PDB file of N, CA and C in Angstrom:
ATOM      1  N   UNK A   1    -122.990 116.823   6.204  1.00  0.00           N
ATOM      2  CA  UNK A   1    -122.092 117.899   6.780  1.00  0.00           C
ATOM      3  C   UNK A   1    -120.917 117.690   7.317  1.00  0.00           C
ATOM      4  N   UNK A   2    -119.975 118.527   6.885  1.00  0.00           N
ATOM      5  CA  UNK A   2    -118.479 118.807   6.987  1.00  0.00           C
ATOM      6  C   UNK A   2    -118.291 119.895   7.859  1.00  0.00           C
ATOM      7  N   UNK A   3    -117.231 119.172   8.962  1.00  0.00           N
ATOM      8  CA  UNK A   3    -116.531 120.458   9.640  1.00  0.00           C
ATOM      9  C   UNK A   3    -115.415 120.307   9.510  1.00  0.00           C
ATOM     10  N   UNK A   4    -114.511 121.568   9.779  1.00  0.00           N
ATOM     11  CA  UNK A   4    -113.430 121.756   9.404  1.00  0.00           C
ATOM     12  C   UNK A   4    -112.619 123.024  10.437  1.00  0.00           C
ATOM     13  N   UNK A   5    -111.652 121.846  10.953  1.00  0.00           N
ATOM     14  CA  UNK A   5    -111.314 122.654  12.264  1.00  0.00           C
ATOM     15  C   UNK A   5    -109.489 123.161  11.936  1.00  0.00           C
ATOM     16  N   UNK A   6    -109.582 124.543  12.068  1.00  0.00           N
ATOM     17  CA  UNK A   6    -108.069 124.903  11.683  1.00  0.00           C
ATOM     18  C   UNK A   6    -107.220 125.162  13.006  1.00  0.00           C
ATOM     19  N   UNK A   7    -105.608 125.010  12.658  1.00  0.00           N
ATOM     20  CA  UNK A   7    -104.821 124.988  13.904  1.00  0.00           C
ATOM     21  C   UNK A   7    -103.757 125.398  13.133  1.00  0.00           C
ATOM     22  N   UNK A   8    -102.680 126.086  14.174  1.00  0.00           N
ATOM     23  CA  UNK A   8    -101.630 126.418  13.181  1.00  0.00           C
ATOM     24  C   UNK A   8    -101.177 127.956  13.504  1.00  0.00           C
ATOM     25  N   UNK A   9    -102.186 128.747  13.542  1.00  0.00           N
ATOM     26  CA  UNK A   9    -101.946 130.408  13.606  1.00  0.00           C
ATOM     27  C   UNK A   9    -101.444 130.920  15.033  1.00  0.00           C
ATOM     28  N   UNK A  10    -100.782 131.836  15.000  1.00  0.00           N
ATOM     29  CA  UNK A  10    -100.178 132.408  15.918  1.00  0.00           C
ATOM     30  C   UNK A  10     -98.933 133.494  15.516  1.00  0.00           C
ATOM     31  N   UNK A  11     -98.726 133.988  16.757  1.00  0.00           N
ATOM     32  CA  UNK A  11     -97.628 135.152  16.348  1.00  0.00           C
ATOM     33  C   UNK A  11     -96.033 134.512  16.055  1.00  0.00           C
ATOM     34  N   UNK A  12     -95.678 135.512  15.012  1.00  0.00           N
ATOM     35  CA  UNK A  12     -94.576 135.155  14.352  1.00  0.00           C
ATOM     36  C   UNK A  12     -93.773 136.270  13.934  1.00  0.00           C
ATOM     37  N   UNK A  13     -92.062 136.068  14.177  1.00  0.00           N
ATOM     38  CA  UNK A  13     -91.447 137.325  13.836  1.00  0.00           C
ATOM     39  C   UNK A  13     -91.754 137.261  12.018  1.00  0.00           C
ATOM     40  N   UNK A  14     -91.129 138.489  11.743  1.00  0.00           N
ATOM     41  CA  UNK A  14     -90.787 138.502  10.139  1.00  0.00           C
ATOM     42  C   UNK A  14     -90.040 137.502   9.815  1.00  0.00           C
ATOM     43  N   UNK A  15     -90.013 136.647   8.953  1.00  0.00           N
ATOM     44  CA  UNK A  15     -89.052 135.828   7.965  1.00  0.00           C
ATOM     45  C   UNK A  15     -89.073 134.411   8.770  1.00  0.00           C
ATOM     46  N   UNK A  16     -89.862 134.106   9.389  1.00  0.00           N
ATOM     47  CA  UNK A  16     -90.202 133.237  10.510  1.00  0.00           C
ATOM     48  C   UNK A  16     -91.126 132.511   9.350  1.00  0.00           C
ATOM     49  N   UNK A  17     -91.914 130.724   9.694  1.00  0.00           N
ATOM     50  CA  UNK A  17     -92.507 130.429   9.508  1.00  0.00           C
ATOM     51  C   UNK A  17     -93.494 130.138   9.985  1.00  0.00           C
ATOM     52  N   UNK A  18     -94.878 129.030   9.975  1.00  0.00           N
ATOM     53  CA  UNK A  18     -95.965 128.392  10.404  1.00  0.00           C
ATOM     54  C   UNK A  18     -96.118 127.727   9.207  1.00  0.00           C
ATOM     55  N   UNK A  19     -96.734 126.706   9.989  1.00  0.00           N
ATOM     56  CA  UNK A  19     -97.691 125.566   9.272  1.00  0.00           C
ATOM     57  C   UNK A  19     -99.067 125.689   9.450  1.00  0.00           C
ATOM     58  N   UNK A  20    -100.145 125.743   9.016  1.00  0.00           N
ATOM     59  CA  UNK A  20    -101.476 125.754   9.451  1.00  0.00           C
ATOM     60  C   UNK A  20    -101.852 124.416   8.867  1.00  0.00           C
ATOM     61  N   UNK A  21    -102.932 123.576   9.961  1.00  0.00           N
ATOM     62  CA  UNK A  21    -103.466 122.565   9.958  1.00  0.00           C
ATOM     63  C   UNK A  21    -104.847 122.680   9.627  1.00  0.00           C
ATOM     64  N   UNK A  22    -105.667 121.979   9.091  1.00  0.00           N
ATOM     65  CA  UNK A  22    -107.212 122.037   8.431  1.00  0.00           C
ATOM     66  C   UNK A  22    -107.343 120.442   8.498  1.00  0.00           C
ATOM     67  N   UNK A  23    -108.285 119.998   9.372  1.00  0.00           N
ATOM     68  CA  UNK A  23    -108.775 118.754   9.214  1.00  0.00           C
ATOM     69  C   UNK A  23    -110.340 118.753   9.025  1.00  0.00           C
ATOM     70  N   UNK A  24    -110.916 117.929   8.217  1.00  0.00           N
ATOM     71  CA  UNK A  24    -112.256 118.029   8.088  1.00  0.00           C
ATOM     72  C   UNK A  24    -112.714 116.667   8.586  1.00  0.00           C
ATOM     73  N   UNK A  25    -113.600 116.948   9.025  1.00  0.00           N
ATOM     74  CA  UNK A  25    -114.701 115.456   9.653  1.00  0.00           C
ATOM     75  C   UNK A  25    -116.049 115.298   9.307  1.00  0.00           C
ATOM     76  N   UNK A  26    -116.399 114.520   9.729  1.00  0.00           N
ATOM     77  CA  UNK A  26    -117.855 114.194   9.362  1.00  0.00           C
ATOM     78  C   UNK A  26    -118.353 113.765   7.938  1.00  0.00           C
ATOM     79  N   UNK A  27    -118.943 113.667   7.270  1.00  0.00           N
ATOM     80  CA  UNK A  27    -119.293 113.100   5.486  1.00  0.00           C
ATOM     81  C   UNK A  27    -118.714 113.532   4.751  1.00  0.00           C
ATOM     82  N   UNK A  28    -117.323 113.590   4.422  1.00  0.00           N
ATOM     83  CA  UNK A  28    -116.385 113.847   3.635  1.00  0.00           C
ATOM     84  C   UNK A  28    -116.209 113.731   2.280  1.00  0.00           C
ATOM     85  N   UNK A  29    -117.001 112.764   2.083  1.00  0.00           N
ATOM     86  CA  UNK A  29    -117.209 112.057   1.153  1.00  0.00           C
ATOM     87  C   UNK A  29    -117.487 113.149  -0.157  1.00  0.00           C
ATOM     88  N   UNK A  30    -117.795 114.152  -0.182  1.00  0.00           N
ATOM     89  CA  UNK A  30    -118.412 115.223  -1.270  1.00  0.00           C
ATOM     90  C   UNK A  30    -117.198 115.967  -1.439  1.00  0.00           C
ATOM     91  N   UNK A  31    -116.331 115.963  -0.612  1.00  0.00           N
ATOM     92  CA  UNK A  31    -115.025 117.024  -0.968  1.00  0.00           C
ATOM     93  C   UNK A  31    -114.194 116.899  -1.910  1.00  0.00           C
ATOM     94  N   UNK A  32    -114.281 117.300  -3.116  1.00  0.00           N
ATOM     95  CA  UNK A  32    -112.891 117.663  -4.364  1.00  0.00           C
ATOM     96  C   UNK A  32    -112.096 118.289  -3.891  1.00  0.00           C
ATOM     97  N   UNK A  33    -111.839 119.194  -3.235  1.00  0.00           N
ATOM     98  CA  UNK A  33    -110.572 120.145  -3.320  1.00  0.00           C
ATOM     99  C   UNK A  33    -110.948 120.942  -1.719  1.00  0.00           C
ATOM    100  N   UNK A  34    -109.479 121.103  -1.143  1.00  0.00           N
ATOM    101  CA  UNK A  34    -109.269 121.976   0.074  1.00  0.00           C
ATOM    102  C   UNK A  34    -108.538 122.979  -0.478  1.00  0.00           C
ATOM    103  N   UNK A  35    -108.879 124.399   0.210  1.00  0.00           N
ATOM    104  CA  UNK A  35    -108.352 125.519  -0.347  1.00  0.00           C
ATOM    105  C   UNK A  35    -108.326 126.486   1.081  1.00  0.00           C
ATOM    106  N   UNK A  36    -106.969 127.231   0.747  1.00  0.00           N
ATOM    107  CA  UNK A  36    -106.551 128.246   2.110  1.00  0.00           C
ATOM    108  C   UNK A  36    -106.926 129.784   1.719  1.00  0.00           C
ATOM    109  N   UNK A  37    -107.828 130.230   2.267  1.00  0.00           N
ATOM    110  CA  UNK A  37    -107.917 132.131   2.113  1.00  0.00           C
ATOM    111  C   UNK A  37    -107.533 133.177   3.106  1.00  0.00           C
ATOM    112  N   UNK A  38    -107.556 133.928   2.996  1.00  0.00           N
ATOM    113  CA  UNK A  38    -106.979 134.905   3.900  1.00  0.00           C
ATOM    114  C   UNK A  38    -107.833 136.081   3.953  1.00  0.00           C
ATOM    115  N   UNK A  39    -108.190 136.680   4.981  1.00  0.00           N
ATOM    116  CA  UNK A  39    -108.388 138.379   5.368  1.00  0.00           C
ATOM    117  C   UNK A  39    -107.663 138.681   5.988  1.00  0.00           C
ATOM    118  N   UNK A  40    -107.346 139.730   5.076  1.00  0.00           N
ATOM    119  CA  UNK A  40    -106.766 141.300   6.120  1.00  0.00           C
ATOM    120  C   UNK A  40    -107.537 142.160   6.879  1.00  0.00           C
ATOM    121  N   UNK A  41    -107.641 142.584   7.591  1.00  0.00           N
ATOM    122  CA  UNK A  41    -108.643 144.073   8.395  1.00  0.00           C
ATOM    123  C   UNK A  41    -108.428 144.527   7.342  1.00  0.00           C
ATOM    124  N   UNK A  42    -109.945 145.342   6.956  1.00  0.00           N
ATOM    125  CA  UNK A  42    -109.950 145.946   6.259  1.00  0.00           C
ATOM    126  C   UNK A  42    -110.341 145.537   4.417  1.00  0.00           C
ATOM    127  N   UNK A  43    -109.744 144.302   4.604  1.00  0.00           N
ATOM    128  CA  UNK A  43    -109.662 143.941   3.067  1.00  0.00           C
ATOM    129  C   UNK A  43    -110.370 142.639   2.850  1.00  0.00           C
ATOM    130  N   UNK A  44    -110.402 142.763   1.473  1.00  0.00           N
ATOM    131  CA  UNK A  44    -111.398 141.139   1.018  1.00  0.00           C
ATOM    132  C   UNK A  44    -110.617 140.054   1.079  1.00  0.00           C
ATOM    133  N   UNK A  45    -111.789 139.225   1.370  1.00  0.00           N
ATOM    134  CA  UNK A  45    -111.094 137.270   1.427  1.00  0.00           C
ATOM    135  C   UNK A  45    -110.607 137.302  -0.040  1.00  0.00           C
ATOM    136  N   UNK A  46    -108.959 136.784   0.292  1.00  0.00           N
ATOM    137  CA  UNK A  46    -108.571 136.095  -1.015  1.00  0.00           C
ATOM    138  C   UNK A  46    -107.982 134.355  -0.593  1.00  0.00           C
ATOM    139  N   UNK A  47    -108.286 133.969  -2.117  1.00  0.00           N
ATOM    140  CA  UNK A  47    -108.095 132.473  -1.917  1.00  0.00           C
ATOM    141  C   UNK A  47    -106.442 132.670  -2.389  1.00  0.00           C
ATOM    142  N   UNK A  48    -105.602 131.721  -1.296  1.00  0.00           N
ATOM    143  CA  UNK A  48    -104.160 131.652  -1.550  1.00  0.00           C
ATOM    144  C   UNK A  48    -103.994 130.179  -1.938  1.00  0.00           C
ATOM    145  N   UNK A  49    -104.338 129.113  -1.565  1.00  0.00           N
ATOM    146  CA  UNK A  49    -104.027 127.738  -2.418  1.00  0.00           C
ATOM    147  C   UNK A  49    -105.105 126.946  -2.382  1.00  0.00           C
ATOM    148  N   UNK A  50    -105.174 126.139  -3.080  1.00  0.00           N
ATOM    149  CA  UNK A  50    -105.757 124.950  -3.746  1.00  0.00           C
ATOM    150  C   UNK A  50    -105.248 123.299  -4.029  1.00  0.00           C
ATOM    151  N   UNK A  51    -105.813 122.756  -3.294  1.00  0.00           N
ATOM    152  CA  UNK A  51    -105.030 121.126  -3.498  1.00  0.00           C
ATOM    153  C   UNK A  51    -106.278 120.272  -3.771  1.00  0.00           C
ATOM    154  N   UNK A  52    -106.175 119.790  -4.766  1.00  0.00           N
ATOM    155  CA  UNK A  52    -107.278 118.353  -5.178  1.00  0.00           C
ATOM    156  C   UNK A  52    -107.362 117.384  -4.893  1.00  0.00           C
ATOM    157  N   UNK A  53    -108.431 116.412  -4.827  1.00  0.00           N
ATOM    158  CA  UNK A  53    -108.383 115.184  -4.258  1.00  0.00           C
ATOM    159  C   UNK A  53    -107.160 114.553  -5.304  1.00  0.00           C
ATOM    160  N   UNK A  54    -107.409 114.931  -6.834  1.00  0.00           N
ATOM    161  CA  UNK A  54    -105.909 114.030  -7.351  1.00  0.00           C
ATOM    162  C   UNK A  54    -104.514 114.642  -7.605  1.00  0.00           C
ATOM    163  N   UNK A  55    -104.084 115.608  -6.128  1.00  0.00           N
ATOM    164  CA  UNK A  55    -103.142 115.934  -5.866  1.00  0.00           C
ATOM    165  C   UNK A  55    -102.717 117.194  -7.035  1.00  0.00           C
ATOM    166  N   UNK A  56    -103.764 117.432  -7.666  1.00  0.00           N
ATOM    167  CA  UNK A  56    -102.945 118.942  -8.331  1.00  0.00           C
ATOM    168  C   UNK A  56    -103.281 120.095  -7.019  1.00  0.00           C
ATOM    169  N   UNK A  57    -102.153 121.623  -7.412  1.00  0.00           N
ATOM    170  CA  UNK A  57    -102.020 122.419  -6.264  1.00  0.00           C
ATOM    171  C   UNK A  57    -102.601 123.616  -7.115  1.00  0.00           C
ATOM    172  N   UNK A  58    -103.020 124.684  -6.491  1.00  0.00           N
ATOM    173  CA  UNK A  58    -102.368 125.861  -7.446  1.00  0.00           C
ATOM    174  C   UNK A  58    -102.444 126.710  -5.731  1.00  0.00           C
ATOM    175  N   UNK A  59    -101.235 127.582  -6.573  1.00  0.00           N
ATOM    176  CA  UNK A  59    -101.084 128.875  -5.199  1.00  0.00           C
ATOM    177  C   UNK A  59    -100.626 130.312  -6.080  1.00  0.00           C
ATOM    178  N   UNK A  60    -101.263 131.019  -5.577  1.00  0.00           N
ATOM    179  CA  UNK A  60    -101.669 132.178  -5.901  1.00  0.00           C
ATOM    180  C   UNK A  60    -100.179 132.719  -5.976  1.00  0.00           C
ATOM    181  N   UNK A  61    -100.185 133.771  -7.219  1.00  0.00           N
ATOM    182  CA  UNK A  61     -98.396 134.240  -7.196  1.00  0.00           C
ATOM    183  C   UNK A  61     -97.995 134.936  -6.281  1.00  0.00           C
ATOM    184  N   UNK A  62     -98.834 135.643  -5.653  1.00  0.00           N
ATOM    185  CA  UNK A  62     -98.641 136.430  -4.339  1.00  0.00           C
ATOM    186  C   UNK A  62     -97.556 135.411  -3.357  1.00  0.00           C
ATOM    187  N   UNK A  63     -97.874 133.966  -3.328  1.00  0.00           N
ATOM    188  CA  UNK A  63     -97.527 133.901  -2.071  1.00  0.00           C
ATOM    189  C   UNK A  63     -96.561 132.599  -2.681  1.00  0.00           C
ATOM    190  N   UNK A  64     -96.862 132.287  -3.898  1.00  0.00           N
ATOM    191  CA  UNK A  64     -96.638 130.761  -4.273  1.00  0.00           C
ATOM    192  C   UNK A  64     -94.561 130.511  -4.255  1.00  0.00           C
ATOM    193  N   UNK A  65     -94.037 131.657  -4.382  1.00  0.00           N
ATOM    194  CA  UNK A  65     -92.770 131.240  -3.582  1.00  0.00           C
ATOM    195  C   UNK A  65     -92.201 131.091  -2.206  1.00  0.00           C
ATOM    196  N   UNK A  66     -93.291 131.328  -0.976  1.00  0.00           N
ATOM    197  CA  UNK A  66     -93.269 131.323   0.022  1.00  0.00           C
ATOM    198  C   UNK A  66     -93.989 130.113   1.189  1.00  0.00           C
ATOM    199  N   UNK A  67     -95.088 130.004   0.003  1.00  0.00           N
ATOM    200  CA  UNK A  67     -95.952 128.870   0.808  1.00  0.00           C
ATOM    201  C   UNK A  67     -96.457 127.502   0.211  1.00  0.00           C
ATOM    202  N   UNK A  68     -96.403 126.843   0.439  1.00  0.00           N
ATOM    203  CA  UNK A  68     -97.026 125.281   0.021  1.00  0.00           C
ATOM    204  C   UNK A  68     -98.184 124.737   0.614  1.00  0.00           C
ATOM    205  N   UNK A  69     -98.962 123.864  -0.581  1.00  0.00           N
ATOM    206  CA  UNK A  69     -99.907 123.564   0.091  1.00  0.00           C
ATOM    207  C   UNK A  69    -100.015 122.159   0.186  1.00  0.00           C
ATOM    208  N   UNK A  70    -100.472 121.242   1.107  1.00  0.00           N
ATOM    209  CA  UNK A  70    -100.204 119.938   0.756  1.00  0.00           C
ATOM    210  C   UNK A  70    -101.369 119.007   1.456  1.00  0.00           C
ATOM    211  N   UNK A  71    -101.376 118.196   0.745  1.00  0.00           N
ATOM    212  CA  UNK A  71    -102.818 117.114   2.399  1.00  0.00           C
ATOM    213  C   UNK A  71    -102.479 115.642   2.441  1.00  0.00           C
ATOM    214  N   UNK A  72    -103.022 115.133   3.178  1.00  0.00           N
ATOM    215  CA  UNK A  72    -102.587 114.110   3.683  1.00  0.00           C
ATOM    216  C   UNK A  72    -102.806 112.878   3.373  1.00  0.00           C
ATOM    217  N   UNK A  73    -102.466 112.160   3.136  1.00  0.00           N
ATOM    218  CA  UNK A  73    -102.861 110.594   2.127  1.00  0.00           C
ATOM    219  C   UNK A  73    -104.289 110.271   2.087  1.00  0.00           C
ATOM    220  N   UNK A  74    -105.138 110.519   3.319  1.00  0.00           N
ATOM    221  CA  UNK A  74    -106.400 110.501   3.199  1.00  0.00           C
ATOM    222  C   UNK A  74    -107.141 111.254   2.889  1.00  0.00           C
ATOM    223  N   UNK A  75    -106.523 112.257   2.405  1.00  0.00           N
ATOM    224  CA  UNK A  75    -107.126 113.600   1.882  1.00  0.00           C
ATOM    225  C   UNK A  75    -108.234 114.540   2.811  1.00  0.00           C
ATOM    226  N   UNK A  76    -108.524 114.232   3.828  1.00  0.00           N
ATOM    227  CA  UNK A  76    -109.044 114.833   5.209  1.00  0.00           C
ATOM    228  C   UNK A  76    -108.399 116.104   5.624  1.00  0.00           C
ATOM    229  N   UNK A  77    -107.026 116.401   5.353  1.00  0.00           N
ATOM    230  CA  UNK A  77    -106.337 117.243   5.976  1.00  0.00           C
ATOM    231  C   UNK A  77    -105.360 117.858   5.097  1.00  0.00           C
ATOM    232  N   UNK A  78    -105.582 119.106   5.139  1.00  0.00           N
ATOM    233  CA  UNK A  78    -104.763 120.016   4.237  1.00  0.00           C
ATOM    234  C   UNK A  78    -103.892 120.944   5.352  1.00  0.00           C
ATOM    235  N   UNK A  79    -103.181 121.141   4.587  1.00  0.00           N
ATOM    236  CA  UNK A  79    -101.542 122.209   5.104  1.00  0.00           C
ATOM    237  C   UNK A  79    -101.378 123.075   4.410  1.00  0.00           C
ATOM    238  N   UNK A  80    -101.342 124.169   5.188  1.00  0.00           N
ATOM    239  CA  UNK A  80    -100.497 125.476   4.745  1.00  0.00           C
ATOM    240  C   UNK A  80     -98.936 125.916   4.969  1.00  0.00           C
ATOM    241  N   UNK A  81     -97.950 125.455   4.311  1.00  0.00           N
ATOM    242  CA  UNK A  81     -96.463 125.658   5.264  1.00  0.00           C
ATOM    243  C   UNK A  81     -96.507 127.084   4.648  1.00  0.00           C
ATOM    244  N   UNK A  82     -95.888 128.067   5.539  1.00  0.00           N
ATOM    245  CA  UNK A  82     -95.849 129.171   5.165  1.00  0.00           C
ATOM    246  C   UNK A  82     -94.083 129.655   5.854  1.00  0.00           C
ATOM    247  N   UNK A  83     -93.384 129.943   4.740  1.00  0.00           N
ATOM    248  CA  UNK A  83     -92.219 130.405   5.456  1.00  0.00           C
ATOM    249  C   UNK A  83     -91.866 132.189   4.754  1.00  0.00           C
ATOM    250  N   UNK A  84     -90.478 132.704   5.508  1.00  0.00           N
ATOM    251  CA  UNK A  84     -90.813 134.123   5.135  1.00  0.00           C
ATOM    252  C   UNK A  84     -91.642 134.993   4.990  1.00  0.00           C
ATOM    253  N   UNK A  85     -92.133 134.764   6.543  1.00  0.00           N
ATOM    254  CA  UNK A  85     -93.443 135.455   6.355  1.00  0.00           C
ATOM    255  C   UNK A  85     -93.076 136.793   6.329  1.00  0.00           C
ATOM    256  N   UNK A  86     -94.215 137.851   6.222  1.00  0.00           N
ATOM    257  CA  UNK A  86     -94.075 139.250   6.484  1.00  0.00           C
ATOM    258  C   UNK A  86     -95.424 139.874   7.334  1.00  0.00           C
ATOM    259  N   UNK A  87     -94.942 141.022   7.414  1.00  0.00           N
ATOM    260  CA  UNK A  87     -96.054 141.727   7.889  1.00  0.00           C
ATOM    261  C   UNK A  87     -97.297 142.081   7.538  1.00  0.00           C
ATOM    262  N   UNK A  88     -97.369 141.526   6.114  1.00  0.00           N
ATOM    263  CA  UNK A  88     -98.383 141.864   4.996  1.00  0.00           C
ATOM    264  C   UNK A  88     -99.205 140.565   5.483  1.00  0.00           C
ATOM    265  N   UNK A  89     -98.431 139.676   5.987  1.00  0.00           N
ATOM    266  CA  UNK A  89     -99.230 138.431   5.951  1.00  0.00           C
ATOM    267  C   UNK A  89    -100.443 138.105   6.856  1.00  0.00           C
ATOM    268  N   UNK A  90     -99.925 139.654   7.761  1.00  0.00           N
ATOM    269  CA  UNK A  90    -100.991 138.933   9.291  1.00  0.00           C
ATOM    270  C   UNK A  90    -102.609 139.044   8.720  1.00  0.00           C
ATOM    271  N   UNK A  91    -103.226 138.333   8.914  1.00  0.00           N
ATOM    272  CA  UNK A  91    -104.703 137.736   8.483  1.00  0.00           C
ATOM    273  C   UNK A  91    -104.990 136.880   9.098  1.00  0.00           C
ATOM    274  N   UNK A  92    -106.800 136.670   9.331  1.00  0.00           N
ATOM    275  CA  UNK A  92    -106.928 135.673   9.511  1.00  0.00           C
ATOM    276  C   UNK A  92    -107.031 134.251   8.630  1.00  0.00           C
ATOM    277  N   UNK A  93    -106.619 133.406   8.501  1.00  0.00           N
ATOM    278  CA  UNK A  93    -106.507 132.103   7.527  1.00  0.00           C
ATOM    279  C   UNK A  93    -107.928 131.248   7.953  1.00  0.00           C
ATOM    280  N   UNK A  94    -108.523 131.002   6.567  1.00  0.00           N
ATOM    281  CA  UNK A  94    -109.347 130.081   7.082  1.00  0.00           C
ATOM    282  C   UNK A  94    -109.742 128.873   5.827  1.00  0.00           C
ATOM    283  N   UNK A  95    -109.784 127.866   6.344  1.00  0.00           N
ATOM    284  CA  UNK A  95    -109.923 126.663   5.688  1.00  0.00           C
ATOM    285  C   UNK A  95    -111.117 126.273   4.891  1.00  0.00           C
ATOM    286  N   UNK A  96    -111.168 126.384   3.304  1.00  0.00           N
ATOM    287  CA  UNK A  96    -112.550 125.906   2.604  1.00  0.00           C
ATOM    288  C   UNK A  96    -112.113 124.559   2.008  1.00  0.00           C
ATOM    289  N   UNK A  97    -113.624 123.575   1.994  1.00  0.00           N
ATOM    290  CA  UNK A  97    -113.489 122.417   1.562  1.00  0.00           C
ATOM    291  C   UNK A  97    -115.156 122.433   0.553  1.00  0.00           C
ATOM    292  N   UNK A  98    -114.632 122.103  -0.706  1.00  0.00           N
ATOM    293  CA  UNK A  98    -115.753 122.217  -1.416  1.00  0.00           C
ATOM    294  C   UNK A  98    -116.076 120.675  -2.616  1.00  0.00           C
ATOM    295  N   UNK A  99    -116.812 121.006  -3.436  1.00  0.00           N
ATOM    296  CA  UNK A  99    -116.991 119.460  -4.381  1.00  0.00           C
ATOM    297  C   UNK A  99    -118.153 119.913  -5.306  1.00  0.00           C
ATOM    298  N   UNK A 100    -118.265 118.967  -5.853  1.00  0.00           N
ATOM    299  CA  UNK A 100    -118.860 119.384  -7.468  1.00  0.00           C
ATOM    300  C   UNK A 100    -120.040 119.531  -6.887  1.00  0.00           C
ATOM    301  N   UNK A 101    -120.536 119.234  -6.248  1.00  0.00           N
ATOM    302  CA  UNK A 101    -122.374 119.194  -5.778  1.00  0.00           C
ATOM    303  C   UNK A 101    -122.146 121.051  -4.946  1.00  0.00           C
ATOM    304  N   UNK A 102    -122.782 121.837  -5.261  1.00  0.00           N
ATOM    305  CA  UNK A 102    -122.919 123.092  -4.733  1.00  0.00           C
ATOM    306  C   UNK A 102    -123.232 122.956  -3.311  1.00  0.00           C
ATOM    307  N   UNK A 103    -123.649 122.162  -2.860  1.00  0.00           N
ATOM    308  CA  UNK A 103    -123.989 122.690  -1.638  1.00  0.00           C
ATOM    309  C   UNK A 103    -122.885 121.723  -0.384  1.00  0.00           C
ATOM    310  N   UNK A 104    -121.963 121.319  -1.375  1.00  0.00           N
ATOM    311  CA  UNK A 104    -120.716 120.576  -0.904  1.00  0.00           C
ATOM    312  C   UNK A 104    -119.838 121.724  -0.770  1.00  0.00           C
ATOM    313  N   UNK A 105    -120.228 123.002   0.188  1.00  0.00           N
ATOM    314  CA  UNK A 105    -118.957 123.824   0.078  1.00  0.00           C
ATOM    315  C   UNK A 105    -118.721 124.667   1.902  1.00  0.00           C
ATOM    316  N   UNK A 106    -117.968 124.368   2.387  1.00  0.00           N
ATOM    317  CA  UNK A 106    -117.833 124.129   3.939  1.00  0.00           C
ATOM    318  C   UNK A 106    -115.985 125.281   4.703  1.00  0.00           C
ATOM    319  N   UNK A 107    -116.687 126.125   5.367  1.00  0.00           N
ATOM    320  CA  UNK A 107    -115.515 126.770   6.172  1.00  0.00           C
ATOM    321  C   UNK A 107    -115.234 126.379   7.378  1.00  0.00           C
ATOM    322  N   UNK A 108    -113.870 126.771   7.842  1.00  0.00           N
ATOM    323  CA  UNK A 108    -113.438 126.757   9.209  1.00  0.00           C
ATOM    324  C   UNK A 108    -113.664 127.945   9.718  1.00  0.00           C
ATOM    325  N   UNK A 109    -113.365 127.742  10.971  1.00  0.00           N
ATOM    326  CA  UNK A 109    -113.426 129.599  11.691  1.00  0.00           C
ATOM    327  C   UNK A 109    -112.726 130.047  11.580  1.00  0.00           C
ATOM    328  N   UNK A 110    -111.428 129.863  11.413  1.00  0.00           N
ATOM    329  CA  UNK A 110    -110.365 130.470  10.925  1.00  0.00           C
ATOM    330  C   UNK A 110    -109.600 130.993  11.855  1.00  0.00           C
ATOM    331  N   UNK A 111    -107.863 130.766  11.814  1.00  0.00           N
ATOM    332  CA  UNK A 111    -107.330 131.016  12.708  1.00  0.00           C
ATOM    333  C   UNK A 111    -106.299 132.295  12.411  1.00  0.00           C
ATOM    334  N   UNK A 112    -106.079 132.759  13.255  1.00  0.00           N
ATOM    335  CA  UNK A 112    -105.302 134.138  13.138  1.00  0.00           C
ATOM    336  C   UNK A 112    -103.725 133.975  13.019  1.00  0.00           C
ATOM    337  N   UNK A 113    -103.172 135.245  12.293  1.00  0.00           N
ATOM    338  CA  UNK A 113    -101.848 134.656  12.090  1.00  0.00           C
ATOM    339  C   UNK A 113    -101.023 136.079  12.182  1.00  0.00           C
ATOM    340  N   UNK A 114    -100.724 136.353  13.097  1.00  0.00           N
ATOM    341  CA  UNK A 114    -100.132 137.712  13.162  1.00  0.00           C
ATOM    342  C   UNK A 114     -98.326 138.031  13.056  1.00  0.00           C
ATOM    343  N   UNK A 115     -97.502 138.662  12.196  1.00  0.00           N
ATOM    344  CA  UNK A 115     -96.584 138.716  11.932  1.00  0.00           C
ATOM    345  C   UNK A 115     -95.878 139.810  12.158  1.00  0.00           C
ATOM    346  N   UNK A 116     -94.795 139.811  13.405  1.00  0.00           N
ATOM    347  CA  UNK A 116     -94.644 141.069  13.980  1.00  0.00           C
ATOM    348  C   UNK A 116     -93.228 141.510  12.982  1.00  0.00           C
ATOM    349  N   UNK A 117     -93.638 142.625  12.581  1.00  0.00           N
ATOM    350  CA  UNK A 117     -91.961 143.424  11.980  1.00  0.00           C
ATOM    351  C   UNK A 117     -90.635 143.493  13.085  1.00  0.00           C
TER     352      UNK A 117
END
């Protein structure tokens, strides 16, 4: 089992920055990638960014000019640096860890980001 704990959400003014963190604990040996998703009120959950164990990264076009994903050297922590935040970035941001085995798919509890105009 893997536990994921996110932190770093909160209230920020438009144009500001936040850095979200997600720490994986437990039996993390199955993890090959960690990702950030968000879900705004009344919207579907959307993938924002992924970072693999091999240091490959992916960012959705909608955020790639403002957000950066990175992982610690031990690969058990993933960060999402969010700059130039906009009110439409307001959402619950969740961390996901998965691996080649389909049973290796875990979610954090989510952290709320609110961007005021």
